[in-house]
Protein backbone atom coordinates (compact mmCIF):
# COMPACT_ATOMS: atom_id res chain seq x y z
CA UNK A 1 5.12 -9.08 124.02
CA UNK A 2 2.15 -7.92 126.00
CA UNK A 3 -1.10 -7.99 124.15
CA UNK A 4 -4.33 -6.75 125.55
CA UNK A 5 -6.89 -9.43 126.00
CA UNK A 6 -10.34 -8.26 126.87
CA UNK A 7 -8.96 -4.75 127.38
CA UNK A 8 -6.45 -5.77 130.06
CA UNK A 9 -2.64 -5.99 130.04
CA UNK A 10 -0.74 -8.84 131.64
CA UNK A 11 0.68 -7.78 134.93
CA UNK A 12 3.55 -9.26 136.92
CA UNK A 13 3.58 -9.99 140.65
CA UNK A 14 4.31 -6.33 141.57
CA UNK A 15 1.31 -5.11 139.64
CA UNK A 16 3.32 -3.54 136.79
CA UNK A 17 2.79 -4.42 133.17
CA UNK A 18 5.48 -6.41 131.37
CA UNK A 19 5.86 -3.68 128.77
CA UNK A 20 6.74 -0.99 131.30
CA UNK A 21 9.14 -3.36 133.07
CA UNK A 22 11.04 -4.00 129.81
CA UNK A 23 11.23 -0.31 129.07
CA UNK A 24 12.52 0.42 132.54
CA UNK A 25 15.20 -2.28 132.22
CA UNK A 26 16.39 -0.91 128.87
CA UNK A 27 16.56 2.63 130.24
CA UNK A 28 18.59 1.48 133.23
CA UNK A 29 21.05 -0.41 131.01
CA UNK A 30 21.46 2.60 128.70
CA UNK A 31 22.10 4.92 131.63
CA UNK A 32 24.67 2.52 133.08
CA UNK A 33 26.41 2.27 129.71
CA UNK A 34 26.54 6.05 129.25
CA UNK A 35 27.85 6.63 132.78
CA UNK A 36 30.51 3.98 132.27
CA UNK A 37 31.64 5.59 129.03
CA UNK A 38 31.78 9.03 130.61
CA UNK A 39 33.89 7.89 133.55
CA UNK A 40 36.21 5.76 131.42
CA UNK A 41 36.89 8.59 128.92
CA UNK A 42 37.71 11.10 131.67
CA UNK A 43 39.91 8.55 133.44
CA UNK A 44 41.65 7.76 130.14
CA UNK A 45 42.17 11.46 129.43
CA UNK A 46 43.63 12.00 132.91
CA UNK A 47 46.02 9.04 132.49
CA UNK A 48 47.25 10.42 129.17
CA UNK A 49 49.76 13.20 129.67
CA UNK A 50 50.51 15.71 126.99
CA UNK A 51 53.82 15.00 125.26
CA UNK A 52 56.68 17.31 126.08
CA UNK A 53 57.58 19.46 123.11
CA UNK A 54 60.75 21.48 122.65
CA UNK A 55 61.01 24.40 120.28
CA UNK A 56 64.12 25.94 118.79
CA UNK A 57 64.64 29.31 117.17
CA UNK A 58 65.52 29.14 113.47
CA UNK A 59 69.13 29.81 112.56
CA UNK A 60 69.98 31.78 109.43
CA UNK A 61 73.19 30.67 107.73
CA UNK A 62 74.55 29.77 104.30
CA UNK A 63 74.03 26.20 103.13
CA UNK A 64 76.49 24.46 100.81
CA UNK A 65 74.53 22.67 98.11
CA UNK A 66 77.40 20.87 96.41
CA UNK A 67 80.35 18.84 97.54
CA UNK A 68 83.58 17.91 95.82
CA UNK A 69 84.79 14.34 95.73
CA UNK A 70 87.75 12.66 94.12
CA UNK A 71 86.78 9.65 92.05
CA UNK A 72 87.16 7.72 88.85
CA UNK A 73 84.57 7.40 86.16
CA UNK A 74 84.20 4.66 83.63
CA UNK A 75 81.96 4.88 80.59
CA UNK A 76 78.80 2.84 80.49
CA UNK A 77 79.17 1.86 76.85
CA UNK A 78 82.04 2.05 74.44
CA UNK A 79 81.52 2.38 70.72
CA UNK A 80 83.99 1.89 67.89
CA UNK A 81 83.35 4.39 65.09
CA UNK A 82 84.40 3.48 61.59
CA UNK A 83 83.94 5.59 58.49
CA UNK A 84 82.04 4.08 55.58
CA UNK A 85 83.82 6.38 53.11
CA UNK A 86 87.42 7.36 52.64
CA UNK A 87 88.66 10.89 53.01
CA UNK A 88 90.40 13.37 55.26
CA UNK A 89 88.80 14.84 58.37
CA UNK A 90 88.06 18.57 58.33
CA UNK A 91 86.60 18.84 61.82
CA UNK A 92 86.05 16.73 64.95
CA UNK A 93 82.84 17.86 66.68
CA UNK A 94 83.15 16.12 70.06
CA UNK A 95 85.64 15.68 72.88
CA UNK A 96 86.98 12.36 74.12
CA UNK A 97 84.81 11.01 76.91
CA UNK A 98 81.89 13.31 76.12
CA UNK A 99 78.33 12.00 76.12
CA UNK A 100 76.97 11.72 72.58
CA UNK A 101 73.46 10.95 71.42
CA UNK A 102 72.11 9.26 68.32
CA UNK A 103 72.21 11.67 65.39
CA UNK A 104 74.91 13.97 66.82
CA UNK A 105 77.52 15.24 64.34
CA UNK A 106 80.86 13.66 65.25
CA UNK A 107 83.16 14.32 62.28
CA UNK A 108 83.17 16.44 59.13
CA UNK A 109 84.98 14.90 56.16
CA UNK A 110 86.70 17.05 53.52
CA UNK A 111 84.04 17.56 50.85
CA UNK A 112 86.28 18.64 47.96
CA UNK A 113 86.90 15.15 46.46
CA UNK A 114 83.21 14.27 46.79
CA UNK A 115 82.11 17.60 45.30
CA UNK A 116 84.45 17.06 42.33
CA UNK A 117 83.04 13.54 41.77
CA UNK A 118 79.49 14.93 42.03
CA UNK A 119 80.23 17.69 39.53
CA UNK A 120 81.77 15.16 37.09
CA UNK A 121 78.75 12.85 37.38
CA UNK A 122 76.37 15.78 36.93
CA UNK A 123 78.17 16.88 33.76
CA UNK A 124 77.94 13.31 32.42
CA UNK A 125 74.18 13.40 33.07
CA UNK A 126 73.97 16.71 31.21
CA UNK A 127 75.90 15.21 28.26
CA UNK A 128 73.58 12.18 28.24
CA UNK A 129 70.52 14.46 28.24
CA UNK A 130 71.94 16.43 25.31
CA UNK A 131 72.63 13.22 23.37
CA UNK A 132 69.08 12.03 24.07
CA UNK A 133 67.66 15.33 22.83
CA UNK A 134 69.83 15.14 19.68
CA UNK A 135 68.77 11.52 19.05
CA UNK A 136 65.09 12.44 19.35
CA UNK A 137 65.54 15.24 16.83
CA UNK A 138 67.35 12.87 14.41
CA UNK A 139 64.53 10.32 14.76
CA UNK A 140 61.88 12.95 14.05
CA UNK A 141 63.76 14.04 10.89
CA UNK A 142 64.18 10.45 9.75
CA UNK A 143 60.46 9.77 10.25
CA UNK A 144 59.58 12.80 8.09
CA UNK A 145 62.01 11.71 5.36
CA UNK A 146 60.71 8.12 5.46
CA UNK A 147 57.11 9.34 5.03
CA UNK A 148 58.07 11.23 1.86
CA UNK A 149 60.13 8.27 0.59
CA UNK A 150 63.47 10.08 0.64
CA UNK A 151 65.12 7.46 2.94
CA UNK A 152 64.43 3.81 3.60
CA UNK A 153 62.68 2.54 6.71
CA UNK A 154 65.80 0.48 7.56
CA UNK A 155 67.73 3.73 8.00
CA UNK A 156 65.02 5.01 10.35
CA UNK A 157 65.17 1.80 12.40
CA UNK A 158 68.94 2.20 12.86
């Protein structure tokens, strides 16, 4: 780098300062680079031809969106269905080979025998409730009689 010493710059043999010579060299290199880029890009653009493009007019016609094929299907999974209760079937709610999901209703069993058994059990519960009510009333009476001394405590305990 040129530094002034005693107010003077270092000069080369031609009488120019080193600083101006460096600047001139950089400017010449930049100009050469820019000219080279300009010529290469235009030459590249001239070498490149535009691709040939063909265009067709659109045709309006009906399109078939489904096809028919002959084939055989086999189920993915097979399931054996067994009833956990006995009875006669009232209704079958699916077709053979149909896709079924968890929770789908498949069969309806005749409810009459089960309804009769339910009704009988319910009436037995009602009888048991009545007997419990009667026994409570008998115990209350026996407690009152035992307090007055009309019956023994052994009778109350029974």
